[in-house]
């Protein structure tokens, strides 16, 4: 609001100047306060934004990792199931080969015919060889199954840890989003407040400058008037004639006779 001086006295202007100085101090304090609050809000907004980006990056990485873990886990499960099927098949074949071996041994023991004995011996040798192969294969399959089972346990642990991380990150994401939204809103509001307080400081400075200028003008006029009055007084004193006051002696002084010259 513009200041209208009118016929303000010197005292009124001095009071107004003092009031404006106080308003300037208060406006400057408010501006600094708004600057600090805006800086804090911007810092929180930046921190929330970077935190959200970092969280999103971690979340995407962990999800990709969990996907890879699940793929590998399923592959191990499939391999384990395949190994178990092969081991079961080998066990079934081993049972049949043992039966063939037993039959060959019976035929070999009970037959007197050389051809039958020779055939029984051949079948016995083949059965023994296949039994050894199958037992070795079963042993290998069982070890592979045990290894797969250990890997499955480890993968389950990895699955659990990664899933917990994803769950934790997912839960913390809304809080960061809310914080970012609020800090961004606060920044916008505080920016307007800061602009308003800066304008208030500028208005107060302009008003104070005008009052100070007017005050200096009045002071100059006052000094000029005082100087003019003093000069007029000095001129008046110079124009007034001074009275001469005769000095009277209290005692008459007798004149000494002049000495005659001879």
C-alpha atoms as a PDB file:
ATOM      1  CA  UNK A   1       0.000   0.000   0.000  1.00  0.00           C
ATOM      2  CA  UNK A   2       1.583   3.342  -1.025  1.00  0.00           C
ATOM      3  CA  UNK A   3       2.409   5.875   1.700  1.00  0.00           C
ATOM      4  CA  UNK A   4       0.791   9.318   1.492  1.00  0.00           C
ATOM      5  CA  UNK A   5       2.851  11.831   3.472  1.00  0.00           C
ATOM      6  CA  UNK A   6       0.501  14.804   3.396  1.00  0.00           C
ATOM      7  CA  UNK A   7       1.491  17.192   6.166  1.00  0.00           C
ATOM      8  CA  UNK A   8       3.224  14.725   8.433  1.00  0.00           C
ATOM      9  CA  UNK A   9       5.420  16.337  11.041  1.00  0.00           C
ATOM     10  CA  UNK A  10       9.065  15.536  11.568  1.00  0.00           C
ATOM     11  CA  UNK A  11       8.222  13.572  14.706  1.00  0.00           C
ATOM     12  CA  UNK A  12       5.546  11.584  12.873  1.00  0.00           C
ATOM     13  CA  UNK A  13       7.977  10.766  10.071  1.00  0.00           C
ATOM     14  CA  UNK A  14      10.611   9.627  12.563  1.00  0.00           C
ATOM     15  CA  UNK A  15       8.043   7.332  14.216  1.00  0.00           C
ATOM     16  CA  UNK A  16       6.949   6.042  10.804  1.00  0.00           C
ATOM     17  CA  UNK A  17      10.580   5.380   9.821  1.00  0.00           C
ATOM     18  CA  UNK A  18      11.158   3.469  13.057  1.00  0.00           C
ATOM     19  CA  UNK A  19       7.984   1.456  12.455  1.00  0.00           C
ATOM     20  CA  UNK A  20       9.073   0.622   8.896  1.00  0.00           C
ATOM     21  CA  UNK A  21      12.516  -0.430  10.141  1.00  0.00           C
ATOM     22  CA  UNK A  22      10.863  -2.835  12.558  1.00  0.00           C
ATOM     23  CA  UNK A  23       8.608  -4.133   9.770  1.00  0.00           C
ATOM     24  CA  UNK A  24      11.698  -4.639   7.599  1.00  0.00           C
ATOM     25  CA  UNK A  25      13.356  -6.686  10.364  1.00  0.00           C
ATOM     26  CA  UNK A  26      10.235  -8.842  10.800  1.00  0.00           C
ATOM     27  CA  UNK A  27       9.803  -9.281   7.032  1.00  0.00           C
ATOM     28  CA  UNK A  28      13.483 -10.250   6.681  1.00  0.00           C
ATOM     29  CA  UNK A  29      13.119 -12.798   9.500  1.00  0.00           C
ATOM     30  CA  UNK A  30      10.037 -14.268   7.803  1.00  0.00           C
ATOM     31  CA  UNK A  31      11.853 -14.435   4.474  1.00  0.00           C
ATOM     32  CA  UNK A  32      14.844 -16.247   6.019  1.00  0.00           C
ATOM     33  CA  UNK A  33      12.442 -18.644   7.774  1.00  0.00           C
ATOM     34  CA  UNK A  34      10.664 -19.364   4.484  1.00  0.00           C
ATOM     35  CA  UNK A  35      14.023 -19.843   2.748  1.00  0.00           C
ATOM     36  CA  UNK A  36      15.097 -22.410   5.358  1.00  0.00           C
ATOM     37  CA  UNK A  37      11.781 -24.269   5.187  1.00  0.00           C
ATOM     38  CA  UNK A  38      11.838 -24.288   1.376  1.00  0.00           C
ATOM     39  CA  UNK A  39      15.410 -25.571   1.384  1.00  0.00           C
ATOM     40  CA  UNK A  40      14.451 -28.360   3.797  1.00  0.00           C
ATOM     41  CA  UNK A  41      11.382 -29.283   1.710  1.00  0.00           C
ATOM     42  CA  UNK A  42      13.463 -29.373  -1.484  1.00  0.00           C
ATOM     43  CA  UNK A  43      16.082 -31.527   0.270  1.00  0.00           C
ATOM     44  CA  UNK A  44      13.398 -33.960   1.461  1.00  0.00           C
ATOM     45  CA  UNK A  45      11.864 -33.999  -2.018  1.00  0.00           C
ATOM     46  CA  UNK A  46      15.229 -34.755  -3.646  1.00  0.00           C
ATOM     47  CA  UNK A  47      16.040 -37.386  -1.033  1.00  0.00           C
ATOM     48  CA  UNK A  48      12.613 -38.995  -1.478  1.00  0.00           C
ATOM     49  CA  UNK A  49      12.947 -38.911  -5.258  1.00  0.00           C
ATOM     50  CA  UNK A  50      16.423 -40.452  -5.244  1.00  0.00           C
ATOM     51  CA  UNK A  51      15.320 -42.957  -2.586  1.00  0.00           C
ATOM     52  CA  UNK A  52      12.308 -43.909  -4.679  1.00  0.00           C
ATOM     53  CA  UNK A  53      14.459 -44.332  -7.786  1.00  0.00           C
ATOM     54  CA  UNK A  54      16.976 -46.402  -5.833  1.00  0.00           C
ATOM     55  CA  UNK A  55      14.182 -48.490  -4.304  1.00  0.00           C
ATOM     56  CA  UNK A  56      12.583 -49.023  -7.716  1.00  0.00           C
ATOM     57  CA  UNK A  57      15.945 -50.081  -9.125  1.00  0.00           C
ATOM     58  CA  UNK A  58      16.493 -52.545  -6.256  1.00  0.00           C
ATOM     59  CA  UNK A  59      12.936 -53.793  -6.594  1.00  0.00           C
ATOM     60  CA  UNK A  60      13.338 -54.459 -10.300  1.00  0.00           C
ATOM     61  CA  UNK A  61      16.705 -56.151  -9.703  1.00  0.00           C
ATOM     62  CA  UNK A  62      15.317 -58.340  -6.914  1.00  0.00           C
ATOM     63  CA  UNK A  63      12.304 -59.306  -9.008  1.00  0.00           C
ATOM     64  CA  UNK A  64      14.583 -60.271 -11.894  1.00  0.00           C
ATOM     65  CA  UNK A  65      16.758 -62.203  -9.454  1.00  0.00           C
ATOM     66  CA  UNK A  66      13.716 -63.993  -8.046  1.00  0.00           C
ATOM     67  CA  UNK A  67      12.597 -64.853 -11.579  1.00  0.00           C
ATOM     68  CA  UNK A  68      16.041 -66.312 -12.318  1.00  0.00           C
ATOM     69  CA  UNK A  69      15.983 -68.229  -9.030  1.00  0.00           C
ATOM     70  CA  UNK A  70      12.546 -69.638  -9.818  1.00  0.00           C
ATOM     71  CA  UNK A  71      13.630 -70.677 -13.318  1.00  0.00           C
ATOM     72  CA  UNK A  72      16.735 -72.420 -11.973  1.00  0.00           C
ATOM     73  CA  UNK A  73      14.728 -73.896  -9.113  1.00  0.00           C
ATOM     74  CA  UNK A  74      12.233 -75.391 -11.545  1.00  0.00           C
ATOM     75  CA  UNK A  75      15.083 -76.733 -13.652  1.00  0.00           C
ATOM     76  CA  UNK A  76      16.605 -78.421 -10.593  1.00  0.00           C
ATOM     77  CA  UNK A  77      13.210 -79.849  -9.649  1.00  0.00           C
ATOM     78  CA  UNK A  78      12.820 -81.221 -13.170  1.00  0.00           C
ATOM     79  CA  UNK A  79      16.341 -82.655 -13.074  1.00  0.00           C
ATOM     80  CA  UNK A  80      15.699 -84.246  -9.678  1.00  0.00           C
ATOM     81  CA  UNK A  81      12.428 -85.766 -10.896  1.00  0.00           C
ATOM     82  CA  UNK A  82      14.200 -87.048 -14.026  1.00  0.00           C
ATOM     83  CA  UNK A  83      17.021 -88.539 -11.929  1.00  0.00           C
ATOM     84  CA  UNK A  84      14.478 -90.191  -9.634  1.00  0.00           C
ATOM     85  CA  UNK A  85      12.647 -91.673 -12.638  1.00  0.00           C
ATOM     86  CA  UNK A  86      15.906 -92.985 -14.085  1.00  0.00           C
ATOM     87  CA  UNK A  87      16.902 -94.416 -10.698  1.00  0.00           C
ATOM     88  CA  UNK A  88      13.496 -96.062 -10.368  1.00  0.00           C
ATOM     89  CA  UNK A  89      13.778 -97.511 -13.866  1.00  0.00           C
ATOM     90  CA  UNK A  90      17.249 -98.792 -13.059  1.00  0.00           C
ATOM     91  CA  UNK A  91      15.908-100.358  -9.836  1.00  0.00           C
ATOM     92  CA  UNK A  92      13.166-102.105 -11.789  1.00  0.00           C
ATOM     93  CA  UNK A  93      15.701-103.359 -14.332  1.00  0.00           C
ATOM     94  CA  UNK A  94      17.972-104.472 -11.499  1.00  0.00           C
ATOM     95  CA  UNK A  95      15.155-106.544 -10.037  1.00  0.00           C
ATOM     96  CA  UNK A  96      14.606-108.210 -13.418  1.00  0.00           C
ATOM     97  CA  UNK A  97      18.317-108.822 -13.908  1.00  0.00           C
ATOM     98  CA  UNK A  98      18.544-110.344 -10.441  1.00  0.00           C
ATOM     99  CA  UNK A  99      15.627-112.593 -11.342  1.00  0.00           C
ATOM    100  CA  UNK A 100      17.384-113.502 -14.616  1.00  0.00           C
ATOM    101  CA  UNK A 101      20.539-114.197 -12.674  1.00  0.00           C
ATOM    102  CA  UNK A 102      18.712-116.436 -10.196  1.00  0.00           C
ATOM    103  CA  UNK A 103      17.069-118.339 -13.065  1.00  0.00           C
ATOM    104  CA  UNK A 104      20.383-118.735 -14.873  1.00  0.00           C
ATOM    105  CA  UNK A 105      22.019-120.068 -11.690  1.00  0.00           C
ATOM    106  CA  UNK A 106      19.116-122.532 -11.223  1.00  0.00           C
ATOM    107  CA  UNK A 107      19.343-123.706 -14.831  1.00  0.00           C
ATOM    108  CA  UNK A 108      23.100-124.020 -14.541  1.00  0.00           C
ATOM    109  CA  UNK A 109      22.874-126.060 -11.343  1.00  0.00           C
ATOM    110  CA  UNK A 110      20.045-128.341 -12.400  1.00  0.00           C
ATOM    111  CA  UNK A 111      20.910-129.082 -16.014  1.00  0.00           C
ATOM    112  CA  UNK A 112      23.120-131.911 -17.192  1.00  0.00           C
ATOM    113  CA  UNK A 113      23.034-130.839 -20.803  1.00  0.00           C
ATOM    114  CA  UNK A 114      26.167-129.009 -21.839  1.00  0.00           C
ATOM    115  CA  UNK A 115      24.372-126.788 -24.285  1.00  0.00           C
ATOM    116  CA  UNK A 116      21.846-125.809 -21.664  1.00  0.00           C
ATOM    117  CA  UNK A 117      24.645-125.243 -19.112  1.00  0.00           C
ATOM    118  CA  UNK A 118      26.592-123.167 -21.604  1.00  0.00           C
ATOM    119  CA  UNK A 119      23.515-121.086 -22.355  1.00  0.00           C
ATOM    120  CA  UNK A 120      22.788-120.728 -18.639  1.00  0.00           C
ATOM    121  CA  UNK A 121      26.354-119.636 -17.967  1.00  0.00           C
ATOM    122  CA  UNK A 122      26.160-117.087 -20.763  1.00  0.00           C
ATOM    123  CA  UNK A 123      22.903-115.711 -19.363  1.00  0.00           C
ATOM    124  CA  UNK A 124      24.446-115.641 -15.889  1.00  0.00           C
ATOM    125  CA  UNK A 125      27.475-113.685 -17.069  1.00  0.00           C
ATOM    126  CA  UNK A 126      25.314-111.199 -18.956  1.00  0.00           C
ATOM    127  CA  UNK A 127      23.059-110.790 -15.903  1.00  0.00           C
ATOM    128  CA  UNK A 128      26.024-110.203 -13.575  1.00  0.00           C
ATOM    129  CA  UNK A 129      27.475-107.615 -15.937  1.00  0.00           C
ATOM    130  CA  UNK A 130      24.153-105.786 -16.249  1.00  0.00           C
ATOM    131  CA  UNK A 131      23.659-105.951 -12.485  1.00  0.00           C
ATOM    132  CA  UNK A 132      27.029-104.283 -11.927  1.00  0.00           C
ATOM    133  CA  UNK A 133      26.195-101.606 -14.494  1.00  0.00           C
ATOM    134  CA  UNK A 134      22.769-101.001 -12.995  1.00  0.00           C
ATOM    135  CA  UNK A 135      24.095-100.829  -9.423  1.00  0.00           C
ATOM    136  CA  UNK A 136      26.719 -98.310 -10.542  1.00  0.00           C
ATOM    137  CA  UNK A 137      24.062 -96.325 -12.415  1.00  0.00           C
ATOM    138  CA  UNK A 138      21.717 -96.382  -9.408  1.00  0.00           C
ATOM    139  CA  UNK A 139      24.515 -95.191  -7.146  1.00  0.00           C
ATOM    140  CA  UNK A 140      25.316 -92.331  -9.502  1.00  0.00           C
ATOM    141  CA  UNK A 141      21.627 -91.406  -9.815  1.00  0.00           C
ATOM    142  CA  UNK A 142      21.113 -91.441  -6.056  1.00  0.00           C
ATOM    143  CA  UNK A 143      24.137 -89.179  -5.491  1.00  0.00           C
ATOM    144  CA  UNK A 144      22.843 -86.809  -8.174  1.00  0.00           C
ATOM    145  CA  UNK A 145      19.416 -86.772  -6.489  1.00  0.00           C
ATOM    146  CA  UNK A 146      21.017 -85.977  -3.106  1.00  0.00           C
ATOM    147  CA  UNK A 147      23.002 -83.140  -4.689  1.00  0.00           C
ATOM    148  CA  UNK A 148      19.844 -81.802  -6.339  1.00  0.00           C
ATOM    149  CA  UNK A 149      18.007 -81.962  -3.007  1.00  0.00           C
ATOM    150  CA  UNK A 150      20.752 -79.856  -1.360  1.00  0.00           C
ATOM    151  CA  UNK A 151      20.584 -77.360  -4.216  1.00  0.00           C
ATOM    152  CA  UNK A 152      16.805 -77.217  -3.839  1.00  0.00           C
ATOM    153  CA  UNK A 153      17.207 -76.358  -0.139  1.00  0.00           C
ATOM    154  CA  UNK A 154      19.631 -73.541  -1.008  1.00  0.00           C
ATOM    155  CA  UNK A 155      17.377 -72.229  -3.739  1.00  0.00           C
ATOM    156  CA  UNK A 156      14.425 -72.263  -1.349  1.00  0.00           C
ATOM    157  CA  UNK A 157      16.472 -70.153   1.065  1.00  0.00           C
ATOM    158  CA  UNK A 158      17.346 -67.733  -1.756  1.00  0.00           C
ATOM    159  CA  UNK A 159      13.708 -67.622  -2.772  1.00  0.00           C
ATOM    160  CA  UNK A 160      12.642 -66.801   0.775  1.00  0.00           C
ATOM    161  CA  UNK A 161      15.291 -64.100   1.302  1.00  0.00           C
ATOM    162  CA  UNK A 162      14.619 -62.438  -2.056  1.00  0.00           C
ATOM    163  CA  UNK A 163      10.845 -62.633  -1.574  1.00  0.00           C
ATOM    164  CA  UNK A 164      11.175 -60.987   1.856  1.00  0.00           C
ATOM    165  CA  UNK A 165      13.312 -58.215   0.353  1.00  0.00           C
ATOM    166  CA  UNK A 166      10.738 -57.613  -2.368  1.00  0.00           C
ATOM    167  CA  UNK A 167       7.939 -57.597   0.197  1.00  0.00           C
ATOM    168  CA  UNK A 168       9.818 -55.117   2.389  1.00  0.00           C
ATOM    169  CA  UNK A 169      10.660 -52.864  -0.561  1.00  0.00           C
ATOM    170  CA  UNK A 170       7.088 -53.010  -1.836  1.00  0.00           C
ATOM    171  CA  UNK A 171       5.771 -51.977   1.593  1.00  0.00           C
ATOM    172  CA  UNK A 172       8.203 -49.056   1.892  1.00  0.00           C
ATOM    173  CA  UNK A 173       7.439 -47.775  -1.618  1.00  0.00           C
ATOM    174  CA  UNK A 174       4.045 -46.154  -0.800  1.00  0.00           C
ATOM    175  CA  UNK A 175       5.602 -44.279   2.139  1.00  0.00           C
ATOM    176  CA  UNK A 176       8.302 -42.837  -0.134  1.00  0.00           C
ATOM    177  CA  UNK A 177       5.718 -41.929  -2.767  1.00  0.00           C
ATOM    178  CA  UNK A 178       3.628 -40.146  -0.110  1.00  0.00           C
ATOM    179  CA  UNK A 179       6.704 -38.385   1.251  1.00  0.00           C
ATOM    180  CA  UNK A 180       7.707 -37.281  -2.249  1.00  0.00           C
ATOM    181  CA  UNK A 181       4.185 -36.044  -3.022  1.00  0.00           C
ATOM    182  CA  UNK A 182       3.938 -34.134   0.276  1.00  0.00           C
ATOM    183  CA  UNK A 183       7.419 -32.602   0.021  1.00  0.00           C
ATOM    184  CA  UNK A 184       6.730 -31.531  -3.571  1.00  0.00           C
ATOM    185  CA  UNK A 185       3.453 -29.926  -2.476  1.00  0.00           C
ATOM    186  CA  UNK A 186       5.182 -28.260   0.488  1.00  0.00           C
ATOM    187  CA  UNK A 187       7.910 -26.938  -1.805  1.00  0.00           C
ATOM    188  CA  UNK A 188       5.334 -25.321  -4.081  1.00  0.00           C
ATOM    189  CA  UNK A 189       3.501 -23.718  -1.136  1.00  0.00           C
ATOM    190  CA  UNK A 190       6.725 -22.524   0.512  1.00  0.00           C
ATOM    191  CA  UNK A 191       7.942 -21.104  -2.787  1.00  0.00           C
ATOM    192  CA  UNK A 192       4.821 -18.930  -2.953  1.00  0.00           C
ATOM    193  CA  UNK A 193       5.322 -17.916   0.682  1.00  0.00           C
ATOM    194  CA  UNK A 194       8.937 -16.992  -0.018  1.00  0.00           C
ATOM    195  CA  UNK A 195       7.939 -14.919  -3.041  1.00  0.00           C
ATOM    196  CA  UNK A 196       5.319 -13.143  -0.902  1.00  0.00           C
ATOM    197  CA  UNK A 197       7.811 -12.438   1.903  1.00  0.00           C
ATOM    198  CA  UNK A 198      10.390 -11.165  -0.629  1.00  0.00           C
ATOM    199  CA  UNK A 199       7.794  -8.794  -2.077  1.00  0.00           C
ATOM    200  CA  UNK A 200       6.967  -7.637   1.469  1.00  0.00           C
ATOM    201  CA  UNK A 201      10.652  -6.906   2.115  1.00  0.00           C
ATOM    202  CA  UNK A 202      10.879  -5.001  -1.181  1.00  0.00           C
ATOM    203  CA  UNK A 203       7.751  -2.968  -0.400  1.00  0.00           C
ATOM    204  CA  UNK A 204       9.050  -2.167   3.070  1.00  0.00           C
ATOM    205  CA  UNK A 205      12.430  -1.104   1.636  1.00  0.00           C
ATOM    206  CA  UNK A 206      10.747   1.174  -0.905  1.00  0.00           C
ATOM    207  CA  UNK A 207       8.495   2.712   1.759  1.00  0.00           C
ATOM    208  CA  UNK A 208      11.415   3.162   4.145  1.00  0.00           C
ATOM    209  CA  UNK A 209      13.493   4.785   1.404  1.00  0.00           C
ATOM    210  CA  UNK A 210      10.676   7.251   0.669  1.00  0.00           C
ATOM    211  CA  UNK A 211      10.182   8.096   4.343  1.00  0.00           C
ATOM    212  CA  UNK A 212      13.943   8.460   4.859  1.00  0.00           C
ATOM    213  CA  UNK A 213      14.180  10.763   1.843  1.00  0.00           C
ATOM    214  CA  UNK A 214      11.246  12.853   3.088  1.00  0.00           C
ATOM    215  CA  UNK A 215      12.770  12.927   6.557  1.00  0.00           C
ATOM    216  CA  UNK A 216      16.112  14.111   5.182  1.00  0.00           C
ATOM    217  CA  UNK A 217      14.269  16.729   3.145  1.00  0.00           C
ATOM    218  CA  UNK A 218      12.482  18.057   6.226  1.00  0.00           C
ATOM    219  CA  UNK A 219      15.700  17.978   8.243  1.00  0.00           C
ATOM    220  CA  UNK A 220      17.441  19.948   5.506  1.00  0.00           C
ATOM    221  CA  UNK A 221      14.611  22.517   5.483  1.00  0.00           C
ATOM    222  CA  UNK A 222      14.795  22.730   9.264  1.00  0.00           C
ATOM    223  CA  UNK A 223      18.556  23.297   9.161  1.00  0.00           C
ATOM    224  CA  UNK A 224      18.105  25.886   6.429  1.00  0.00           C
ATOM    225  CA  UNK A 225      15.389  27.689   8.388  1.00  0.00           C
ATOM    226  CA  UNK A 226      17.544  27.652  11.514  1.00  0.00           C
ATOM    227  CA  UNK A 227      20.507  29.021   9.599  1.00  0.00           C
ATOM    228  CA  UNK A 228      18.329  31.776   8.041  1.00  0.00           C
ATOM    229  CA  UNK A 229      16.971  32.721  11.458  1.00  0.00           C
ATOM    230  CA  UNK A 230      20.460  32.896  12.898  1.00  0.00           C
ATOM    231  CA  UNK A 231      21.646  35.074  10.018  1.00  0.00           C
ATOM    232  CA  UNK A 232      18.676  37.444  10.429  1.00  0.00           C
ATOM    233  CA  UNK A 233      19.431  37.754  14.124  1.00  0.00           C
ATOM    234  CA  UNK A 234      23.071  38.615  13.417  1.00  0.00           C
ATOM    235  CA  UNK A 235      22.080  41.317  10.906  1.00  0.00           C
ATOM    236  CA  UNK A 236      19.644  42.855  13.419  1.00  0.00           C
ATOM    237  CA  UNK A 237      22.400  43.138  15.997  1.00  0.00           C
ATOM    238  CA  UNK A 238      24.720  44.918  13.548  1.00  0.00           C
ATOM    239  CA  UNK A 239      22.104  47.593  12.734  1.00  0.00           C
ATOM    240  CA  UNK A 240      21.531  48.694  16.450  1.00  0.00           C
ATOM    241  CA  UNK A 241      23.993  51.722  17.446  1.00  0.00           C
ATOM    242  CA  UNK A 242      26.136  51.352  20.514  1.00  0.00           C
ATOM    243  CA  UNK A 243      25.908  53.988  23.292  1.00  0.00           C
ATOM    244  CA  UNK A 244      29.152  55.674  24.573  1.00  0.00           C
ATOM    245  CA  UNK A 245      29.438  55.694  28.310  1.00  0.00           C
ATOM    246  CA  UNK A 246      31.739  58.434  29.795  1.00  0.00           C
ATOM    247  CA  UNK A 247      33.967  57.457  32.599  1.00  0.00           C
ATOM    248  CA  UNK A 248      33.903  59.863  35.591  1.00  0.00           C
ATOM    249  CA  UNK A 249      36.830  59.986  37.952  1.00  0.00           C
ATOM    250  CA  UNK A 250      36.049  60.024  41.642  1.00  0.00           C
ATOM    251  CA  UNK A 251      38.851  62.532  42.608  1.00  0.00           C
ATOM    252  CA  UNK A 252      40.067  65.672  40.794  1.00  0.00           C
ATOM    253  CA  UNK A 253      43.695  65.584  39.945  1.00  0.00           C
ATOM    254  CA  UNK A 254      45.518  68.912  40.616  1.00  0.00           C
ATOM    255  CA  UNK A 255      47.675  70.227  37.880  1.00  0.00           C
ATOM    256  CA  UNK A 256      51.327  70.676  38.800  1.00  0.00           C
ATOM    257  CA  UNK A 257      52.753  74.161  38.147  1.00  0.00           C
ATOM    258  CA  UNK A 258      55.115  74.378  35.321  1.00  0.00           C
ATOM    259  CA  UNK A 259      58.641  75.182  36.311  1.00  0.00           C
ATOM    260  CA  UNK A 260      59.934  78.400  34.898  1.00  0.00           C
ATOM    261  CA  UNK A 261      63.088  78.194  33.008  1.00  0.00           C
ATOM    262  CA  UNK A 262      65.840  80.368  34.014  1.00  0.00           C
END
